[in-house]
Amino acid sequence: MSQTFKGDITNNVVELNLQAGADNIGTPTVAYDGTNNGEISVQVMGDVDEFSGFQTAGSAIKGLVIGTSCTTIGNSAFYFCSGLTGSLTIGNSVTSIGSYAFGFCVGFNGSLTIGNSVTSIESYAFSGCSGFNGSLTIPNSVTSIGSYAFSSCSGLTGSLTIPDSVTSIGDYAFGSCNSLTGDLVIPNSVTSIGMYAFSNCVGFDGSLTIGNSVTSIGSYAFYACVNFTSVNILATTAPTISSSAFYNMILVSPAEIHVPVGATGYAASYDGLTVVYDL
């Protein structure tokens, strides 16, 4: 038997469609019926504030639909909701995705679509969501990608598209996204690439191009990226490149890394890499 519960989260309505037997999941409180073990499907009808209470449901939540009235997804909103399956679509009404919003939601086994109104993806927003598959496109409304935002999203098997709107890529942002393939283009808008940002992304098998505005590349940013065919840093002003930025990188022949003349901090001491200094 199905039940419907309507509750209030900081003056925003959330509608829960419940099977009888759902346990109390925190805020909002749902009716308890001990006759069945219960599975919860959630339809978000308004904003989800941080620490909304959904995260305490753990694996009990089995479905999630984010409605068009939702504009923000707060910190830890669905943190560790490990029972969520299928694809996740974040619609064009959403403008921000908070820290840990979907962190360690390991049950997703479909695609991830992020709407074109999101301006920031905060730290750990999708960290540990290992089941997502297909390509990942960051919409051209996003200006910053936080630390660990997509770390260990190891199921993503297609290309990664980062738009010209992004100015910074945080530490470990895509660390261990090891099945992403093809070329990787860091657009001209990006000025900083954090530590370990793409470490252990072993699936990329085309060229790596870093745009002309980059001023800093952090430690181990491309650690153990072993299948790139070439690296081209197009910075017009010599950037600061950590001496370990390309540590353990093995490039497919021709193993050339193009570094701007005057780049500071970079140590051309990696076995098998030919360093070409460009004007």
C-alpha atoms as a PDB file:
ATOM      1  CA  MET A   1       0.000   0.000   0.000  1.00  0.00           C
ATOM      2  CA  SER A   2       1.363   3.421  -0.914  1.00  0.00           C
ATOM      3  CA  GLN A   3       1.304   6.421   1.339  1.00  0.00           C
ATOM      4  CA  THR A   4       2.028  10.084   0.686  1.00  0.00           C
ATOM      5  CA  PHE A   5       3.614  12.413   3.200  1.00  0.00           C
ATOM      6  CA  LYS A   6       4.011  16.152   2.752  1.00  0.00           C
ATOM      7  CA  GLY A   7       6.430  17.887   5.095  1.00  0.00           C
ATOM      8  CA  ASP A   8       8.230  21.195   5.456  1.00  0.00           C
ATOM      9  CA  ILE A   9      11.953  21.899   5.188  1.00  0.00           C
ATOM     10  CA  THR A  10      12.803  25.528   5.952  1.00  0.00           C
ATOM     11  CA  ASN A  11       9.516  26.645   4.384  1.00  0.00           C
ATOM     12  CA  ASN A  12      10.014  24.532   1.257  1.00  0.00           C
ATOM     13  CA  VAL A  13       7.662  21.637   0.574  1.00  0.00           C
ATOM     14  CA  VAL A  14       9.003  18.146   0.048  1.00  0.00           C
ATOM     15  CA  GLU A  15       6.716  15.338  -1.030  1.00  0.00           C
ATOM     16  CA  LEU A  16       7.579  11.744  -0.147  1.00  0.00           C
ATOM     17  CA  ASN A  17       5.850   8.812  -1.800  1.00  0.00           C
ATOM     18  CA  LEU A  18       6.165   5.945   0.640  1.00  0.00           C
ATOM     19  CA  GLN A  19       5.479   2.273   0.808  1.00  0.00           C
ATOM     20  CA  ALA A  20       3.979   1.131   4.044  1.00  0.00           C
ATOM     21  CA  GLY A  21       6.658   0.196   6.530  1.00  0.00           C
ATOM     22  CA  ALA A  22       9.083   3.048   5.934  1.00  0.00           C
ATOM     23  CA  ASP A  23      11.110   3.853   9.009  1.00  0.00           C
ATOM     24  CA  ASN A  24      11.546   7.309  10.438  1.00  0.00           C
ATOM     25  CA  ILE A  25      14.152   9.026   8.263  1.00  0.00           C
ATOM     26  CA  GLY A  26      14.762  12.104  10.358  1.00  0.00           C
ATOM     27  CA  THR A  27      13.654  15.454   8.978  1.00  0.00           C
ATOM     28  CA  PRO A  28      10.945  15.413   7.803  1.00  0.00           C
ATOM     29  CA  THR A  29       9.478  12.693  10.018  1.00  0.00           C
ATOM     30  CA  VAL A  30       7.510  10.000   8.222  1.00  0.00           C
ATOM     31  CA  ALA A  31       4.853   7.685   9.575  1.00  0.00           C
ATOM     32  CA  TYR A  32       6.161   4.375  10.844  1.00  0.00           C
ATOM     33  CA  ASP A  33       4.440   1.143   9.868  1.00  0.00           C
ATOM     34  CA  GLY A  34       6.222  -2.071  10.809  1.00  0.00           C
ATOM     35  CA  THR A  35       4.401  -4.402   8.443  1.00  0.00           C
ATOM     36  CA  ASN A  36       6.945  -4.167   5.590  1.00  0.00           C
ATOM     37  CA  ASN A  37      10.537  -3.103   5.239  1.00  0.00           C
ATOM     38  CA  GLY A  38       9.521  -0.209   2.971  1.00  0.00           C
ATOM     39  CA  GLU A  39      11.214   1.603   0.132  1.00  0.00           C
ATOM     40  CA  ILE A  40      11.143   5.386  -0.138  1.00  0.00           C
ATOM     41  CA  SER A  41      10.981   7.396  -3.349  1.00  0.00           C
ATOM     42  CA  VAL A  42      11.559  11.112  -2.957  1.00  0.00           C
ATOM     43  CA  GLN A  43      10.285  13.864  -5.191  1.00  0.00           C
ATOM     44  CA  VAL A  44      11.803  17.204  -4.315  1.00  0.00           C
ATOM     45  CA  MET A  45       9.158  19.918  -4.691  1.00  0.00           C
ATOM     46  CA  GLY A  46      11.267  22.790  -3.388  1.00  0.00           C
ATOM     47  CA  ASP A  47      14.804  23.555  -2.230  1.00  0.00           C
ATOM     48  CA  VAL A  48      16.651  20.961  -0.186  1.00  0.00           C
ATOM     49  CA  ASP A  49      18.473  22.692   2.617  1.00  0.00           C
ATOM     50  CA  GLU A  50      21.779  21.456   4.002  1.00  0.00           C
ATOM     51  CA  PHE A  51      21.615  18.501   6.369  1.00  0.00           C
ATOM     52  CA  SER A  52      18.015  18.024   5.287  1.00  0.00           C
ATOM     53  CA  GLY A  53      17.589  14.687   7.015  1.00  0.00           C
ATOM     54  CA  PHE A  54      17.454  12.630   3.829  1.00  0.00           C
ATOM     55  CA  GLN A  55      21.036  11.515   4.371  1.00  0.00           C
ATOM     56  CA  THR A  56      19.968   9.612   7.485  1.00  0.00           C
ATOM     57  CA  ALA A  57      17.775   7.394   5.327  1.00  0.00           C
ATOM     58  CA  GLY A  58      20.876   5.671   3.949  1.00  0.00           C
ATOM     59  CA  SER A  59      19.877   2.861   1.608  1.00  0.00           C
ATOM     60  CA  ALA A  60      16.140   3.200   2.293  1.00  0.00           C
ATOM     61  CA  ILE A  61      15.637   5.839  -0.424  1.00  0.00           C
ATOM     62  CA  LYS A  62      15.350   4.074  -3.783  1.00  0.00           C
ATOM     63  CA  GLY A  63      14.263   6.818  -6.172  1.00  0.00           C
ATOM     64  CA  LEU A  64      14.902  10.538  -6.578  1.00  0.00           C
ATOM     65  CA  VAL A  65      13.273  13.135  -8.819  1.00  0.00           C
ATOM     66  CA  ILE A  66      14.377  16.751  -8.505  1.00  0.00           C
ATOM     67  CA  GLY A  67      11.457  18.965  -9.469  1.00  0.00           C
ATOM     68  CA  THR A  68      11.512  22.218 -11.397  1.00  0.00           C
ATOM     69  CA  SER A  69      10.832  24.242  -8.246  1.00  0.00           C
ATOM     70  CA  CYS A  70      14.155  23.201  -6.723  1.00  0.00           C
ATOM     71  CA  THR A  71      16.823  25.909  -7.024  1.00  0.00           C
ATOM     72  CA  THR A  72      19.409  24.799  -4.477  1.00  0.00           C
ATOM     73  CA  ILE A  73      20.687  21.469  -3.218  1.00  0.00           C
ATOM     74  CA  GLY A  74      22.344  22.091   0.127  1.00  0.00           C
ATOM     75  CA  ASN A  75      25.368  20.639   1.840  1.00  0.00           C
ATOM     76  CA  SER A  76      25.066  16.906   2.598  1.00  0.00           C
ATOM     77  CA  ALA A  77      21.463  16.901   1.317  1.00  0.00           C
ATOM     78  CA  PHE A  78      21.616  13.268   0.129  1.00  0.00           C
ATOM     79  CA  TYR A  79      24.940  12.295   1.667  1.00  0.00           C
ATOM     80  CA  PHE A  80      25.389   8.510   1.833  1.00  0.00           C
ATOM     81  CA  CYS A  81      21.953   7.741   0.356  1.00  0.00           C
ATOM     82  CA  SER A  82      23.470   4.549  -0.991  1.00  0.00           C
ATOM     83  CA  GLY A  83      20.219   3.018  -2.264  1.00  0.00           C
ATOM     84  CA  LEU A  84      19.612   5.561  -5.029  1.00  0.00           C
ATOM     85  CA  THR A  85      19.761   3.900  -8.448  1.00  0.00           C
ATOM     86  CA  GLY A  86      19.455   4.795 -12.119  1.00  0.00           C
ATOM     87  CA  SER A  87      20.372   8.160 -13.615  1.00  0.00           C
ATOM     88  CA  LEU A  88      20.481  11.536 -11.903  1.00  0.00           C
ATOM     89  CA  THR A  89      19.227  14.634 -13.689  1.00  0.00           C
ATOM     90  CA  ILE A  90      19.715  17.993 -12.031  1.00  0.00           C
ATOM     91  CA  GLY A  91      17.403  20.340 -13.900  1.00  0.00           C
ATOM     92  CA  ASN A  92      17.929  23.829 -15.223  1.00  0.00           C
ATOM     93  CA  SER A  93      16.212  25.379 -12.205  1.00  0.00           C
ATOM     94  CA  VAL A  94      19.062  24.401  -9.858  1.00  0.00           C
ATOM     95  CA  THR A  95      21.768  27.037  -9.448  1.00  0.00           C
ATOM     96  CA  SER A  96      24.011  25.515  -6.762  1.00  0.00           C
ATOM     97  CA  ILE A  97      25.065  22.068  -5.585  1.00  0.00           C
ATOM     98  CA  GLY A  98      26.455  22.074  -2.067  1.00  0.00           C
ATOM     99  CA  SER A  99      29.356  20.227  -0.473  1.00  0.00           C
ATOM    100  CA  TYR A 100      28.748  16.483  -0.100  1.00  0.00           C
ATOM    101  CA  ALA A 101      25.278  16.965  -1.678  1.00  0.00           C
ATOM    102  CA  PHE A 102      25.426  13.498  -3.253  1.00  0.00           C
ATOM    103  CA  GLY A 103      28.658  12.334  -1.650  1.00  0.00           C
ATOM    104  CA  PHE A 104      29.076   8.560  -1.588  1.00  0.00           C
ATOM    105  CA  CYS A 105      25.716   7.809  -3.204  1.00  0.00           C
ATOM    106  CA  VAL A 106      27.200   4.598  -4.556  1.00  0.00           C
ATOM    107  CA  GLY A 107      24.004   3.096  -5.992  1.00  0.00           C
ATOM    108  CA  PHE A 108      23.601   5.282  -9.079  1.00  0.00           C
ATOM    109  CA  ASN A 109      24.093   3.184 -12.215  1.00  0.00           C
ATOM    110  CA  GLY A 110      23.081   5.555 -15.006  1.00  0.00           C
ATOM    111  CA  SER A 111      24.110   8.905 -16.409  1.00  0.00           C
ATOM    112  CA  LEU A 112      24.715  12.191 -14.604  1.00  0.00           C
ATOM    113  CA  THR A 113      23.192  15.316 -16.154  1.00  0.00           C
ATOM    114  CA  ILE A 114      23.817  18.740 -14.635  1.00  0.00           C
ATOM    115  CA  GLY A 115      21.536  21.571 -15.740  1.00  0.00           C
ATOM    116  CA  ASN A 116      22.766  24.746 -17.376  1.00  0.00           C
ATOM    117  CA  SER A 117      21.965  27.094 -14.488  1.00  0.00           C
ATOM    118  CA  VAL A 118      24.392  25.615 -11.965  1.00  0.00           C
ATOM    119  CA  THR A 119      27.138  28.124 -11.198  1.00  0.00           C
ATOM    120  CA  SER A 120      29.146  26.212  -8.609  1.00  0.00           C
ATOM    121  CA  ILE A 121      29.808  22.572  -7.810  1.00  0.00           C
ATOM    122  CA  GLU A 122      31.130  22.498  -4.279  1.00  0.00           C
ATOM    123  CA  SER A 123      33.661  20.173  -2.666  1.00  0.00           C
ATOM    124  CA  TYR A 124      32.789  16.458  -2.508  1.00  0.00           C
ATOM    125  CA  ALA A 125      29.463  17.144  -4.287  1.00  0.00           C
ATOM    126  CA  PHE A 126      29.584  13.807  -6.151  1.00  0.00           C
ATOM    127  CA  SER A 127      32.623  12.251  -4.518  1.00  0.00           C
ATOM    128  CA  GLY A 128      32.517   8.474  -4.358  1.00  0.00           C
ATOM    129  CA  CYS A 129      29.571   8.132  -6.768  1.00  0.00           C
ATOM    130  CA  SER A 130      31.325   5.254  -8.480  1.00  0.00           C
ATOM    131  CA  GLY A 131      28.363   3.952 -10.498  1.00  0.00           C
ATOM    132  CA  PHE A 132      27.691   6.822 -12.890  1.00  0.00           C
ATOM    133  CA  ASN A 133      28.413   5.911 -16.505  1.00  0.00           C
ATOM    134  CA  GLY A 134      28.819   7.683 -19.822  1.00  0.00           C
ATOM    135  CA  SER A 135      30.331  11.068 -20.580  1.00  0.00           C
ATOM    136  CA  LEU A 136      30.399  14.032 -18.215  1.00  0.00           C
ATOM    137  CA  THR A 137      29.621  17.531 -19.450  1.00  0.00           C
ATOM    138  CA  ILE A 138      30.066  20.449 -17.071  1.00  0.00           C
ATOM    139  CA  PRO A 139      27.531  23.109 -18.144  1.00  0.00           C
ATOM    140  CA  ASN A 140      28.795  26.472 -19.323  1.00  0.00           C
ATOM    141  CA  SER A 141      27.234  28.238 -16.346  1.00  0.00           C
ATOM    142  CA  VAL A 142      29.729  26.699 -13.888  1.00  0.00           C
ATOM    143  CA  THR A 143      32.613  28.917 -12.803  1.00  0.00           C
ATOM    144  CA  SER A 144      34.314  26.722 -10.194  1.00  0.00           C
ATOM    145  CA  ILE A 145      34.704  23.006  -9.550  1.00  0.00           C
ATOM    146  CA  GLY A 146      35.433  22.336  -5.901  1.00  0.00           C
ATOM    147  CA  SER A 147      37.950  20.029  -4.288  1.00  0.00           C
ATOM    148  CA  TYR A 148      37.048  16.333  -4.614  1.00  0.00           C
ATOM    149  CA  ALA A 149      33.862  17.334  -6.506  1.00  0.00           C
ATOM    150  CA  PHE A 150      33.935  14.217  -8.730  1.00  0.00           C
ATOM    151  CA  SER A 151      36.718  12.237  -7.101  1.00  0.00           C
ATOM    152  CA  SER A 152      36.418   8.454  -7.435  1.00  0.00           C
ATOM    153  CA  CYS A 153      33.565   8.672  -9.949  1.00  0.00           C
ATOM    154  CA  SER A 154      35.269   5.701 -11.531  1.00  0.00           C
ATOM    155  CA  GLY A 155      32.318   4.497 -13.626  1.00  0.00           C
ATOM    156  CA  LEU A 156      32.270   7.476 -16.006  1.00  0.00           C
ATOM    157  CA  THR A 157      33.378   5.910 -19.262  1.00  0.00           C
ATOM    158  CA  GLY A 158      33.176   8.673 -21.867  1.00  0.00           C
ATOM    159  CA  SER A 159      34.661  12.089 -22.425  1.00  0.00           C
ATOM    160  CA  LEU A 160      34.956  15.007 -20.025  1.00  0.00           C
ATOM    161  CA  THR A 161      33.909  18.462 -21.237  1.00  0.00           C
ATOM    162  CA  ILE A 162      34.958  21.492 -19.194  1.00  0.00           C
ATOM    163  CA  PRO A 163      33.498  24.778 -20.524  1.00  0.00           C
ATOM    164  CA  ASP A 164      35.122  28.181 -20.930  1.00  0.00           C
ATOM    165  CA  SER A 165      33.192  29.499 -17.934  1.00  0.00           C
ATOM    166  CA  VAL A 166      35.284  27.518 -15.423  1.00  0.00           C
ATOM    167  CA  THR A 167      38.126  29.493 -13.843  1.00  0.00           C
ATOM    168  CA  SER A 168      39.402  27.055 -11.203  1.00  0.00           C
ATOM    169  CA  ILE A 169      39.620  23.296 -10.738  1.00  0.00           C
ATOM    170  CA  GLY A 170      40.055  22.261  -7.106  1.00  0.00           C
ATOM    171  CA  ASP A 171      42.328  19.724  -5.456  1.00  0.00           C
ATOM    172  CA  TYR A 172      41.437  16.107  -6.367  1.00  0.00           C
ATOM    173  CA  ALA A 173      38.444  17.432  -8.359  1.00  0.00           C
ATOM    174  CA  PHE A 174      38.529  14.491 -10.789  1.00  0.00           C
ATOM    175  CA  GLY A 175      41.011  12.299  -8.942  1.00  0.00           C
ATOM    176  CA  SER A 176      40.654   8.578  -9.730  1.00  0.00           C
ATOM    177  CA  CYS A 177      38.042   9.126 -12.449  1.00  0.00           C
ATOM    178  CA  ASN A 178      40.000   6.395 -14.113  1.00  0.00           C
ATOM    179  CA  SER A 179      37.643   5.440 -16.970  1.00  0.00           C
ATOM    180  CA  LEU A 180      37.215   8.832 -18.654  1.00  0.00           C
ATOM    181  CA  THR A 181      38.611   8.617 -22.184  1.00  0.00           C
ATOM    182  CA  GLY A 182      39.673  10.705 -25.169  1.00  0.00           C
ATOM    183  CA  ASP A 183      41.307  14.124 -25.177  1.00  0.00           C
ATOM    184  CA  LEU A 184      41.297  16.422 -22.173  1.00  0.00           C
ATOM    185  CA  VAL A 185      41.083  20.158 -22.834  1.00  0.00           C
ATOM    186  CA  ILE A 186      41.511  22.582 -19.951  1.00  0.00           C
ATOM    187  CA  PRO A 187      39.910  25.740 -21.391  1.00  0.00           C
ATOM    188  CA  ASN A 188      41.518  29.158 -21.668  1.00  0.00           C
ATOM    189  CA  SER A 189      39.405  30.465 -18.790  1.00  0.00           C
ATOM    190  CA  VAL A 190      41.054  28.232 -16.173  1.00  0.00           C
ATOM    191  CA  THR A 191      43.766  29.956 -14.162  1.00  0.00           C
ATOM    192  CA  SER A 192      44.518  27.284 -11.549  1.00  0.00           C
ATOM    193  CA  ILE A 193      44.568  23.496 -11.443  1.00  0.00           C
ATOM    194  CA  GLY A 194      44.716  22.069  -7.940  1.00  0.00           C
ATOM    195  CA  MET A 195      46.783  19.304  -6.386  1.00  0.00           C
ATOM    196  CA  TYR A 196      45.952  15.801  -7.634  1.00  0.00           C
ATOM    197  CA  ALA A 197      43.169  17.328  -9.754  1.00  0.00           C
ATOM    198  CA  PHE A 198      43.370  14.569 -12.384  1.00  0.00           C
ATOM    199  CA  SER A 199      45.558  12.062 -10.574  1.00  0.00           C
ATOM    200  CA  ASN A 200      45.102   8.408 -11.561  1.00  0.00           C
ATOM    201  CA  CYS A 201      42.901   9.344 -14.519  1.00  0.00           C
ATOM    202  CA  VAL A 202      44.469   6.527 -16.492  1.00  0.00           C
ATOM    203  CA  GLY A 203      41.767   6.271 -19.173  1.00  0.00           C
ATOM    204  CA  PHE A 204      42.465   9.469 -21.095  1.00  0.00           C
ATOM    205  CA  ASP A 205      44.061   8.278 -24.327  1.00  0.00           C
ATOM    206  CA  GLY A 206      44.307  11.435 -26.429  1.00  0.00           C
ATOM    207  CA  SER A 207      46.115  14.714 -25.988  1.00  0.00           C
ATOM    208  CA  LEU A 208      46.164  16.967 -22.945  1.00  0.00           C
ATOM    209  CA  THR A 209      45.818  20.664 -23.746  1.00  0.00           C
ATOM    210  CA  ILE A 210      46.037  23.265 -20.992  1.00  0.00           C
ATOM    211  CA  GLY A 211      44.758  26.702 -21.992  1.00  0.00           C
ATOM    212  CA  ASN A 212      46.504  30.035 -22.240  1.00  0.00           C
ATOM    213  CA  SER A 213      45.401  31.558 -18.908  1.00  0.00           C
ATOM    214  CA  VAL A 214      46.754  28.973 -16.490  1.00  0.00           C
ATOM    215  CA  THR A 215      49.052  30.475 -13.861  1.00  0.00           C
ATOM    216  CA  SER A 216      49.529  27.483 -11.560  1.00  0.00           C
ATOM    217  CA  ILE A 217      49.435  23.694 -11.778  1.00  0.00           C
ATOM    218  CA  GLY A 218      49.494  21.964  -8.413  1.00  0.00           C
ATOM    219  CA  SER A 219      51.441  19.036  -7.036  1.00  0.00           C
ATOM    220  CA  TYR A 220      50.657  15.679  -8.649  1.00  0.00           C
ATOM    221  CA  ALA A 221      47.898  17.314 -10.719  1.00  0.00           C
ATOM    222  CA  PHE A 222      48.282  14.658 -13.445  1.00  0.00           C
ATOM    223  CA  TYR A 223      49.926  11.953 -11.372  1.00  0.00           C
ATOM    224  CA  ALA A 224      49.982   8.506 -13.041  1.00  0.00           C
ATOM    225  CA  CYS A 225      48.078   9.609 -16.151  1.00  0.00           C
ATOM    226  CA  VAL A 226      49.679   6.994 -18.361  1.00  0.00           C
ATOM    227  CA  ASN A 227      47.917   7.090 -21.738  1.00  0.00           C
ATOM    228  CA  PHE A 228      48.072  10.682 -22.962  1.00  0.00           C
ATOM    229  CA  THR A 229      49.791  11.040 -26.321  1.00  0.00           C
ATOM    230  CA  SER A 230      51.095  14.556 -25.675  1.00  0.00           C
ATOM    231  CA  VAL A 231      50.910  17.481 -23.274  1.00  0.00           C
ATOM    232  CA  ASN A 232      50.601  21.062 -24.506  1.00  0.00           C
ATOM    233  CA  ILE A 233      50.645  23.969 -22.060  1.00  0.00           C
ATOM    234  CA  LEU A 234      49.605  27.054 -24.005  1.00  0.00           C
ATOM    235  CA  ALA A 235      50.034  29.669 -21.271  1.00  0.00           C
ATOM    236  CA  THR A 236      50.970  33.057 -22.652  1.00  0.00           C
ATOM    237  CA  THR A 237      52.560  34.028 -19.337  1.00  0.00           C
ATOM    238  CA  ALA A 238      54.944  31.476 -17.877  1.00  0.00           C
ATOM    239  CA  PRO A 239      53.022  29.618 -15.135  1.00  0.00           C
ATOM    240  CA  THR A 240      54.199  28.087 -11.897  1.00  0.00           C
ATOM    241  CA  ILE A 241      54.176  24.333 -12.397  1.00  0.00           C
ATOM    242  CA  SER A 242      54.802  22.063  -9.441  1.00  0.00           C
ATOM    243  CA  SER A 243      57.857  19.867  -9.833  1.00  0.00           C
ATOM    244  CA  SER A 244      55.609  16.848  -9.277  1.00  0.00           C
ATOM    245  CA  ALA A 245      52.693  17.951 -11.477  1.00  0.00           C
ATOM    246  CA  PHE A 246      53.358  15.244 -14.065  1.00  0.00           C
ATOM    247  CA  TYR A 247      54.966  12.700 -11.762  1.00  0.00           C
ATOM    248  CA  ASN A 248      54.661   9.100 -13.004  1.00  0.00           C
ATOM    249  CA  MET A 249      53.117  10.260 -16.260  1.00  0.00           C
ATOM    250  CA  ILE A 250      53.890   7.898 -19.119  1.00  0.00           C
ATOM    251  CA  LEU A 251      53.032   9.264 -22.548  1.00  0.00           C
ATOM    252  CA  VAL A 252      52.280   7.183 -25.609  1.00  0.00           C
ATOM    253  CA  SER A 253      54.824   7.876 -28.384  1.00  0.00           C
ATOM    254  CA  PRO A 254      55.734  10.574 -29.227  1.00  0.00           C
ATOM    255  CA  ALA A 255      56.226  11.250 -25.534  1.00  0.00           C
ATOM    256  CA  GLU A 256      56.475  15.020 -25.682  1.00  0.00           C
ATOM    257  CA  ILE A 257      55.499  17.593 -23.095  1.00  0.00           C
ATOM    258  CA  HIS A 258      55.396  21.194 -24.284  1.00  0.00           C
ATOM    259  CA  VAL A 259      56.174  23.698 -21.536  1.00  0.00           C
ATOM    260  CA  PRO A 260      56.289  27.513 -21.935  1.00  0.00           C
ATOM    261  CA  VAL A 261      59.709  29.090 -21.758  1.00  0.00           C
ATOM    262  CA  GLY A 262      60.259  30.567 -18.312  1.00  0.00           C
ATOM    263  CA  ALA A 263      57.853  28.271 -16.479  1.00  0.00           C
ATOM    264  CA  THR A 264      58.975  28.097 -12.864  1.00  0.00           C
ATOM    265  CA  GLY A 265      59.061  25.140 -10.535  1.00  0.00           C
ATOM    266  CA  TYR A 266      58.839  22.496 -13.227  1.00  0.00           C
ATOM    267  CA  ALA A 267      61.471  19.771 -13.082  1.00  0.00           C
ATOM    268  CA  ALA A 268      62.064  17.957 -16.364  1.00  0.00           C
ATOM    269  CA  SER A 269      63.270  14.821 -14.662  1.00  0.00           C
ATOM    270  CA  TYR A 270      60.692  12.223 -15.606  1.00  0.00           C
ATOM    271  CA  ASP A 271      61.924   9.153 -17.438  1.00  0.00           C
ATOM    272  CA  GLY A 272      60.641   8.824 -20.974  1.00  0.00           C
ATOM    273  CA  LEU A 273      59.354  12.387 -21.394  1.00  0.00           C
ATOM    274  CA  THR A 274      60.778  14.717 -24.006  1.00  0.00           C
ATOM    275  CA  VAL A 275      60.424  18.334 -22.903  1.00  0.00           C
ATOM    276  CA  VAL A 276      59.846  20.910 -25.622  1.00  0.00           C
ATOM    277  CA  TYR A 277      60.076  24.552 -24.542  1.00  0.00           C
ATOM    278  CA  ASP A 278      57.726  26.732 -26.560  1.00  0.00           C
ATOM    279  CA  LEU A 279      57.745  30.503 -26.872  1.00  0.00           C
END
